[in-house]
Amino acid sequence: MKKNLKYFFVLTLLISAFNIKNFAQVNTPVGAMLIADSVASGNFKDVLTSYFKLSFLDLTGPNKGIKFSSNLFAYMLKHNPTLDIDTNYVKYKLVRNTNIDLDLKLNDESKFSGFTFGIKHAIVNRRDYTVSKEFIAIALSKFHDLFIISDALSVKASTLPAGSEERRKFNEQVDRLFNDTSFNFNKADPSVQKIAFETAKEKNLKNFLQLVQNKPDVCLSNQATADYEEIINSFQNKALWTAAANFHSYDDRFEIQTVGLSTEFVKGFINPDAPSNLEINIKGNMDFGDDTSSIASDLKRTVINWDAGLNWVMKGWNTNQSFLEFKLSASDHYIISGLYADEEKNHFTLNGTLRFRVSNDLSFPIEFKYDPVSHTILGFLNITSNFNWLGAIGK
């Protein structure tokens, strides 16, 4: 068995063994993608989407647009649901970390004014915990005591007469102990509690002993869910680094005018369990375009753009999903060659994006650009929708 596939199997086992209700969908590849995406910031989703995303850009301005982004694995699943199995999930790692983008531009009269097609791949995606060695090691360590207690109880059950009422009641108690969210440890039959305590002392399971001694009414099912969520949240600060190629058309015809190469990096650096977080976001791109002052298509116009800033993320009180984000950055537009008459060679701006997240599927990013030279402010209203209906495939 390949190691990565083994990790996915262990991940599924962890969930099914303790009935981690909030993460049941992780049993399918689609579920894994959706759960990972649900706790991601809107800024992170802009860098790499897990399934489908539709954005309406600059609704109140002159440069309106519609942008569609899709994860290639999600696209494959939409057209072939039979791919939704763990072996394919691991096999298609390349496409799981690849997005395709299509951006249609509209003029003031909402008529077609060019398009951009792009393909993006995650060179580094440390947040993909579903096949992560680090994630499995942490999870196995976190649930180590519960696995041993569960095994000891299973061994005890096997010694009771098969088909007997005593064995049935014992198994029922064990099942409720690990799977019933309303069943506390101190409500379990004394025989079940005795085996659990004796096993914990014999195996030196300090974490379990400390848990049940300090909190006898603990619900092991709810505790397992909380522990699992804590592990997943710990991955929300991991690094993501992407590289992309984009092809921009002329405004008035379906011909490529500009070819762009870009890269982007995002990483959080505050405790992911905190009610707010900060992400660093750095991106840069180089565009090679036709010089429209000449007739020939020569790609002799070269432009470099970079943008670097911080994204502040405010989370909900009872969830790790963001509901408000504010990104502040600085950017520069520098023309290396192909400068037009009366055009600035270098253009520096300060930027802000205020994002309101209505739900996991809908957000309203409002962008601001400030020009320190002209002292002008430009505003752009966008709407972004993420479609998680793909998750129905995995049910």
Protein backbone atom coordinates (compact mmCIF):
# COMPACT_ATOMS: atom_id res chain seq x y z
CA MET A 1 0.00 0.00 0.00
CA LYS A 2 1.31 3.43 -0.86
CA LYS A 3 2.07 5.58 2.16
CA ASN A 4 -0.20 8.47 1.13
CA LEU A 5 -3.11 6.09 0.62
CA LYS A 6 -2.45 4.61 4.05
CA TYR A 7 -2.74 8.10 5.56
CA PHE A 8 -6.12 8.64 3.92
CA PHE A 9 -7.35 5.29 5.29
CA VAL A 10 -6.18 6.20 8.79
CA LEU A 11 -7.93 9.57 8.49
CA THR A 12 -11.20 7.82 7.61
CA LEU A 13 -10.70 5.36 10.49
CA LEU A 14 -10.26 8.18 12.98
CA ILE A 15 -13.55 9.72 11.93
CA SER A 16 -15.62 6.53 11.80
CA ALA A 17 -14.16 5.10 15.03
CA PHE A 18 -15.37 7.99 17.17
CA ASN A 19 -18.37 9.16 15.14
CA ILE A 20 -16.96 12.66 14.70
CA LYS A 21 -20.28 14.07 13.54
CA ASN A 22 -19.15 17.51 12.40
CA PHE A 23 -16.64 15.98 10.01
CA ALA A 24 -18.57 13.03 8.64
CA GLN A 25 -18.23 14.26 5.07
CA VAL A 26 -14.48 13.76 5.24
CA ASN A 27 -15.18 10.07 4.53
CA THR A 28 -15.32 11.12 0.87
CA PRO A 29 -12.75 13.03 -1.16
CA VAL A 30 -15.37 15.71 -1.86
CA GLY A 31 -16.06 15.95 1.85
CA ALA A 32 -12.36 16.41 2.58
CA MET A 33 -12.18 19.28 0.09
CA LEU A 34 -15.30 20.97 1.45
CA ILE A 35 -14.31 20.72 5.11
CA ALA A 36 -10.87 22.12 4.39
CA ASP A 37 -12.46 24.97 2.47
CA SER A 38 -15.12 25.79 5.08
CA VAL A 39 -12.57 27.04 7.61
CA ALA A 40 -10.37 28.79 5.06
CA SER A 41 -10.36 32.57 4.88
CA GLY A 42 -11.87 34.29 1.87
CA ASN A 43 -8.42 35.57 1.01
CA PHE A 44 -7.09 31.99 0.97
CA LYS A 45 -9.95 30.90 -1.31
CA ASP A 46 -8.97 33.66 -3.73
CA VAL A 47 -5.54 32.07 -4.00
CA LEU A 48 -6.70 28.45 -4.41
CA THR A 49 -10.30 27.26 -4.51
CA SER A 50 -11.32 23.74 -3.49
CA TYR A 51 -14.26 23.29 -5.87
CA PHE A 52 -16.17 26.01 -7.79
CA LYS A 53 -16.23 29.78 -7.33
CA LEU A 54 -18.10 32.49 -9.22
CA SER A 55 -17.25 36.16 -8.75
CA PHE A 56 -18.94 39.32 -10.05
CA LEU A 57 -16.28 42.02 -10.19
CA ASP A 58 -16.46 45.82 -9.97
CA LEU A 59 -20.27 45.93 -10.06
CA THR A 60 -20.40 49.71 -9.67
CA GLY A 61 -17.40 50.59 -11.84
CA PRO A 62 -16.50 50.75 -15.53
CA ASN A 63 -14.47 47.51 -15.60
CA LYS A 64 -17.10 44.96 -14.75
CA GLY A 65 -16.33 41.29 -15.02
CA ILE A 66 -17.41 37.73 -14.26
CA LYS A 67 -14.78 35.29 -13.03
CA PHE A 68 -15.24 31.54 -12.74
CA SER A 69 -12.69 29.34 -10.96
CA SER A 70 -12.72 25.58 -10.67
CA ASN A 71 -10.60 22.96 -9.00
CA LEU A 72 -9.73 20.39 -11.66
CA PHE A 73 -10.49 17.43 -9.40
CA ALA A 74 -13.88 18.91 -8.54
CA TYR A 75 -14.56 19.38 -12.26
CA MET A 76 -13.66 15.74 -12.91
CA LEU A 77 -15.94 14.60 -10.09
CA LYS A 78 -18.83 16.64 -11.43
CA HIS A 79 -18.65 14.80 -14.73
CA ASN A 80 -17.68 11.41 -13.30
CA PRO A 81 -18.93 10.85 -9.70
CA THR A 82 -17.41 7.34 -9.66
CA LEU A 83 -14.02 9.00 -9.12
CA ASP A 84 -15.08 9.89 -5.57
CA ILE A 85 -13.02 7.17 -3.87
CA ASP A 86 -9.87 7.41 -1.76
CA THR A 87 -7.57 5.71 -4.28
CA ASN A 88 -8.38 8.34 -6.90
CA TYR A 89 -8.15 11.12 -4.32
CA VAL A 90 -4.50 10.22 -3.74
CA LYS A 91 -3.81 9.34 -7.37
CA TYR A 92 -4.96 12.74 -8.65
CA LYS A 93 -2.96 14.89 -6.23
CA LEU A 94 -1.71 17.01 -9.14
CA VAL A 95 -5.21 18.01 -10.29
CA ARG A 96 -6.45 18.48 -6.70
CA ASN A 97 -3.89 21.26 -6.39
CA THR A 98 -4.71 22.82 -9.75
CA ASN A 99 -7.26 25.53 -10.61
CA ILE A 100 -8.53 26.81 -13.92
CA ASP A 101 -9.83 30.38 -14.18
CA LEU A 102 -11.95 32.14 -16.78
CA ASP A 103 -12.50 35.88 -16.47
CA LEU A 104 -14.92 37.66 -18.82
CA LYS A 105 -14.64 41.45 -18.97
CA LEU A 106 -17.57 43.77 -19.67
CA ASN A 107 -17.61 47.44 -20.68
CA ASP A 108 -19.89 50.24 -19.46
CA GLU A 109 -22.72 48.84 -21.58
CA SER A 110 -22.17 45.36 -20.13
CA LYS A 111 -20.95 44.07 -23.48
CA PHE A 112 -18.02 41.69 -23.96
CA SER A 113 -14.68 43.44 -23.58
CA GLY A 114 -12.12 40.64 -23.54
CA PHE A 115 -11.32 37.59 -21.46
CA THR A 116 -8.56 36.02 -19.40
CA PHE A 117 -7.89 32.30 -19.16
CA GLY A 118 -5.51 30.95 -16.56
CA ILE A 119 -4.22 27.79 -14.97
CA LYS A 120 -2.79 27.75 -11.44
CA HIS A 121 -0.98 25.05 -9.49
CA ALA A 122 -0.03 24.83 -5.82
CA ILE A 123 3.70 24.19 -5.63
CA VAL A 124 3.45 23.99 -1.84
CA ASN A 125 0.15 23.24 -0.10
CA ARG A 126 0.81 22.45 3.54
CA ARG A 127 -2.88 22.90 4.35
CA ASP A 128 -3.84 19.73 2.51
CA TYR A 129 -4.05 17.76 5.76
CA THR A 130 -6.05 14.88 4.20
CA VAL A 131 -2.88 13.13 2.99
CA SER A 132 -0.42 14.79 5.34
CA LYS A 133 2.09 12.70 7.29
CA GLU A 134 2.15 15.40 9.95
CA PHE A 135 -1.65 15.40 10.31
CA ILE A 136 -1.88 11.63 10.75
CA ALA A 137 0.96 11.59 13.29
CA ILE A 138 -0.75 14.32 15.34
CA ALA A 139 -4.16 12.65 15.09
CA LEU A 140 -2.89 9.20 16.09
CA SER A 141 -1.09 10.74 19.05
CA LYS A 142 -4.19 12.72 20.06
CA PHE A 143 -6.48 9.67 19.97
CA HIS A 144 -3.88 7.17 21.24
CA ASP A 145 -5.52 6.71 24.66
CA LEU A 146 -9.04 6.31 23.28
CA PHE A 147 -7.91 3.68 20.79
CA ILE A 148 -6.31 1.61 23.57
CA ILE A 149 -9.36 1.94 25.85
CA SER A 150 -11.64 0.96 22.96
CA ASP A 151 -9.50 -2.10 22.18
CA ALA A 152 -9.53 -3.20 25.83
CA LEU A 153 -13.31 -2.95 25.97
CA SER A 154 -13.60 -4.94 22.74
CA VAL A 155 -11.40 -7.68 24.18
CA LYS A 156 -13.59 -7.81 27.31
CA ALA A 157 -16.74 -8.05 25.17
CA SER A 158 -15.28 -11.00 23.25
CA THR A 159 -14.95 -12.96 26.52
CA LEU A 160 -18.67 -12.70 27.26
CA PRO A 161 -21.00 -15.46 25.96
CA ALA A 162 -21.86 -14.88 22.30
CA GLY A 163 -25.47 -13.83 21.81
CA SER A 164 -26.02 -13.36 25.54
CA GLU A 165 -27.93 -10.45 27.06
CA GLU A 166 -24.84 -9.60 29.11
CA ARG A 167 -22.73 -9.18 25.96
CA ARG A 168 -25.43 -7.17 24.20
CA LYS A 169 -25.76 -4.72 27.10
CA PHE A 170 -21.98 -4.40 27.42
CA ASN A 171 -21.57 -3.60 23.71
CA GLU A 172 -24.43 -1.12 23.93
CA GLN A 173 -22.66 0.66 26.79
CA VAL A 174 -19.39 0.79 24.83
CA ASP A 175 -21.13 2.10 21.73
CA ARG A 176 -22.84 4.87 23.70
CA LEU A 177 -19.59 5.72 25.46
CA PHE A 178 -17.82 6.56 22.20
CA ASN A 179 -20.68 7.53 19.88
CA ASP A 180 -23.53 9.04 21.93
CA THR A 181 -23.14 12.82 22.27
CA SER A 182 -25.48 12.88 25.30
CA PHE A 183 -23.78 10.04 27.21
CA ASN A 184 -21.23 11.02 29.84
CA PHE A 185 -18.44 8.81 31.12
CA ASN A 186 -19.75 8.70 34.69
CA LYS A 187 -23.08 7.34 33.37
CA ALA A 188 -21.43 4.23 31.98
CA ASP A 189 -21.87 0.88 33.72
CA PRO A 190 -19.37 0.45 36.60
CA SER A 191 -17.88 -2.58 34.83
CA VAL A 192 -17.11 -0.46 31.76
CA GLN A 193 -15.60 2.32 33.87
CA LYS A 194 -13.49 -0.21 35.80
CA ILE A 195 -11.96 -1.67 32.64
CA ALA A 196 -11.26 1.81 31.30
CA PHE A 197 -9.51 2.88 34.54
CA GLU A 198 -7.54 -0.35 34.90
CA THR A 199 -6.37 -0.20 31.28
CA ALA A 200 -5.40 3.46 31.59
CA LYS A 201 -3.34 2.77 34.74
CA GLU A 202 -1.72 -0.35 33.28
CA LYS A 203 -0.82 1.37 30.00
CA ASN A 204 0.08 4.66 31.70
CA LEU A 205 -2.51 6.63 29.70
CA LYS A 206 -1.96 9.89 31.57
CA ASN A 207 -4.08 12.04 29.25
CA PHE A 208 -7.15 9.84 29.64
CA LEU A 209 -6.76 9.53 33.42
CA GLN A 210 -6.37 13.28 33.80
CA LEU A 211 -9.42 13.88 31.61
CA VAL A 212 -11.87 11.58 33.42
CA GLN A 213 -10.55 12.40 36.89
CA ASN A 214 -10.81 16.17 36.42
CA LYS A 215 -14.09 15.94 34.51
CA PRO A 216 -15.98 12.71 35.33
CA ASP A 217 -19.01 13.85 33.32
CA VAL A 218 -17.00 14.23 30.10
CA CYS A 219 -18.62 13.00 26.90
CA LEU A 220 -15.94 11.10 24.99
CA SER A 221 -17.77 11.55 21.67
CA ASN A 222 -17.90 15.32 22.04
CA GLN A 223 -14.31 15.39 23.29
CA ALA A 224 -13.17 13.46 20.21
CA THR A 225 -14.96 15.95 17.96
CA ALA A 226 -13.36 18.90 19.76
CA ASP A 227 -9.90 17.30 19.56
CA TYR A 228 -10.31 16.56 15.86
CA GLU A 229 -11.44 20.11 15.13
CA GLU A 230 -8.45 21.46 17.03
CA ILE A 231 -6.08 19.44 14.85
CA ILE A 232 -7.72 20.63 11.63
CA ASN A 233 -7.63 24.24 12.79
CA SER A 234 -3.92 23.94 13.52
CA PHE A 235 -3.36 23.49 9.77
CA GLN A 236 -5.02 26.79 8.85
CA ASN A 237 -1.75 28.68 9.29
CA LYS A 238 0.25 26.42 6.99
CA ALA A 239 1.87 27.83 3.87
CA LEU A 240 0.37 27.89 0.38
CA TRP A 241 2.51 28.83 -2.62
CA THR A 242 1.10 28.85 -6.13
CA ALA A 243 2.34 29.52 -9.65
CA ALA A 244 0.10 30.43 -12.59
CA ALA A 245 0.04 31.20 -16.28
CA ASN A 246 -2.59 33.59 -17.65
CA PHE A 247 -3.61 34.51 -21.19
CA HIS A 248 -5.35 37.86 -21.76
CA SER A 249 -7.24 38.66 -24.95
CA TYR A 250 -7.73 41.94 -26.80
CA ASP A 251 -10.77 43.91 -25.74
CA ASP A 252 -12.50 43.53 -29.07
CA ARG A 253 -11.53 40.09 -30.36
CA PHE A 254 -10.70 36.51 -29.33
CA GLU A 255 -6.95 36.81 -29.80
CA ILE A 256 -4.27 36.66 -27.13
CA GLN A 257 -2.71 40.04 -26.40
CA THR A 258 -0.82 39.31 -23.18
CA VAL A 259 0.76 36.27 -21.58
CA GLY A 260 1.35 36.48 -17.84
CA LEU A 261 3.33 34.44 -15.33
CA SER A 262 2.52 34.87 -11.66
CA THR A 263 3.20 33.47 -8.22
CA GLU A 264 1.48 33.96 -4.86
CA PHE A 265 2.25 33.06 -1.25
CA VAL A 266 -0.08 33.08 1.78
CA LYS A 267 0.55 32.00 5.37
CA GLY A 268 -1.06 32.66 8.75
CA PHE A 269 1.01 33.36 11.84
CA ILE A 270 -1.30 33.76 14.85
CA ASN A 271 -2.77 30.91 16.93
CA PRO A 272 -5.49 29.47 14.64
CA ASP A 273 -7.73 28.87 17.67
CA ALA A 274 -7.76 32.59 18.47
CA PRO A 275 -10.87 34.63 17.53
CA SER A 276 -8.82 36.58 14.99
CA ASN A 277 -5.83 35.83 12.82
CA LEU A 278 -3.35 37.48 10.48
CA GLU A 279 -2.24 36.17 7.10
CA ILE A 280 0.69 37.41 5.09
CA ASN A 281 -0.05 37.56 1.37
CA ILE A 282 2.61 38.23 -1.28
CA LYS A 283 2.08 38.03 -5.03
CA GLY A 284 3.86 39.06 -8.15
CA ASN A 285 3.43 38.66 -11.88
CA MET A 286 5.19 39.48 -15.12
CA ASP A 287 3.14 40.20 -18.24
CA PHE A 288 4.45 39.95 -21.78
CA GLY A 289 2.11 41.81 -24.11
CA ASP A 290 1.81 43.17 -27.61
CA ASP A 291 2.81 46.77 -28.05
CA THR A 292 -0.44 48.20 -29.46
CA SER A 293 1.48 51.13 -30.94
CA SER A 294 2.82 48.73 -33.58
CA ILE A 295 0.94 46.45 -35.96
CA ALA A 296 2.99 43.31 -35.33
CA SER A 297 2.23 40.85 -32.54
CA ASP A 298 5.57 40.74 -30.80
CA LEU A 299 5.00 40.51 -27.01
CA LYS A 300 7.64 43.23 -26.55
CA ARG A 301 5.76 45.09 -23.84
CA THR A 302 6.86 43.78 -20.42
CA VAL A 303 5.20 44.78 -17.15
CA ILE A 304 5.92 43.67 -13.59
CA ASN A 305 3.31 43.89 -10.83
CA TRP A 306 3.77 43.02 -7.19
CA ASP A 307 1.50 43.24 -4.17
CA ALA A 308 2.33 42.50 -0.51
CA GLY A 309 0.22 42.91 2.59
CA LEU A 310 -1.55 41.50 5.62
CA ASN A 311 -5.06 40.10 5.87
CA TRP A 312 -6.82 40.38 9.23
CA VAL A 313 -9.42 37.65 9.79
CA MET A 314 -12.20 37.88 12.39
CA LYS A 315 -13.90 34.57 13.17
CA GLY A 316 -17.32 33.69 14.55
CA TRP A 317 -17.77 33.13 18.27
CA ASN A 318 -18.75 29.47 17.93
CA THR A 319 -17.02 28.61 14.68
CA ASN A 320 -13.64 29.00 13.07
CA GLN A 321 -15.20 30.33 9.88
CA SER A 322 -14.36 33.95 9.16
CA PHE A 323 -17.17 36.49 8.95
CA LEU A 324 -15.10 39.66 8.45
CA GLU A 325 -11.73 40.24 6.83
CA PHE A 326 -9.68 43.33 6.12
CA LYS A 327 -6.63 43.19 3.89
CA LEU A 328 -4.16 46.08 3.67
CA SER A 329 -1.42 45.96 1.05
CA ALA A 330 0.94 47.95 -1.12
CA SER A 331 1.37 47.33 -4.83
CA ASP A 332 3.51 48.55 -7.67
CA HIS A 333 3.02 48.53 -11.44
CA TYR A 334 6.34 48.86 -13.28
CA ILE A 335 6.77 48.91 -17.06
CA ILE A 336 10.10 47.44 -18.12
CA SER A 337 9.64 47.91 -21.87
CA GLY A 338 6.98 49.10 -24.29
CA LEU A 339 6.13 52.33 -22.48
CA TYR A 340 3.39 54.30 -24.26
CA ALA A 341 3.40 58.07 -24.66
CA ASP A 342 2.18 59.93 -21.55
CA GLU A 343 2.17 56.68 -19.57
CA GLU A 344 3.71 56.39 -16.08
CA LYS A 345 6.62 53.99 -15.97
CA ASN A 346 6.04 53.28 -12.30
CA HIS A 347 2.70 53.41 -10.46
CA PHE A 348 2.50 52.75 -6.70
CA THR A 349 -0.79 52.32 -4.80
CA LEU A 350 -2.04 51.43 -1.33
CA ASN A 351 -4.89 48.93 -1.30
CA GLY A 352 -7.54 47.68 1.06
CA THR A 353 -10.12 44.92 0.79
CA LEU A 354 -13.01 44.67 3.26
CA ARG A 355 -14.77 41.32 2.97
CA PHE A 356 -18.13 40.48 4.57
CA ARG A 357 -18.86 36.77 4.65
CA VAL A 358 -22.62 36.17 4.67
CA SER A 359 -22.28 32.39 4.63
CA ASN A 360 -19.76 29.74 3.67
CA ASP A 361 -20.93 30.19 0.08
CA LEU A 362 -21.37 33.96 -0.24
CA SER A 363 -19.16 36.95 0.50
CA PHE A 364 -18.98 40.64 -0.48
CA PRO A 365 -15.42 41.92 -0.97
CA ILE A 366 -15.14 45.72 -1.28
CA GLU A 367 -11.77 46.84 -2.67
CA PHE A 368 -10.15 50.26 -2.30
CA LYS A 369 -7.10 51.62 -4.12
CA TYR A 370 -5.36 54.81 -3.02
CA ASP A 371 -2.90 56.65 -5.27
CA PRO A 372 -0.44 58.62 -3.07
CA VAL A 373 0.56 60.83 -6.01
CA SER A 374 -2.86 61.95 -7.25
CA HIS A 375 -4.53 61.43 -3.84
CA THR A 376 -7.42 59.63 -5.49
CA ILE A 377 -9.38 56.68 -4.14
CA LEU A 378 -11.04 54.07 -6.31
CA GLY A 379 -13.60 51.61 -4.96
CA PHE A 380 -14.76 48.26 -6.34
CA LEU A 381 -17.69 46.16 -5.14
CA ASN A 382 -17.47 42.41 -5.81
CA ILE A 383 -19.65 39.40 -5.03
CA THR A 384 -18.13 35.94 -4.61
CA SER A 385 -20.07 32.69 -4.43
CA ASN A 386 -18.56 29.31 -3.59
CA PHE A 387 -20.64 26.32 -4.60
CA ASN A 388 -20.60 23.39 -2.15
CA TRP A 389 -23.48 21.56 -3.78
CA LEU A 390 -20.80 19.25 -5.16
CA GLY A 391 -20.76 17.67 -1.72
CA ALA A 392 -24.05 15.94 -2.53
CA ILE A 393 -22.06 13.58 -4.75
CA GLY A 394 -20.32 12.13 -1.74
CA LYS A 395 -23.48 11.44 0.23
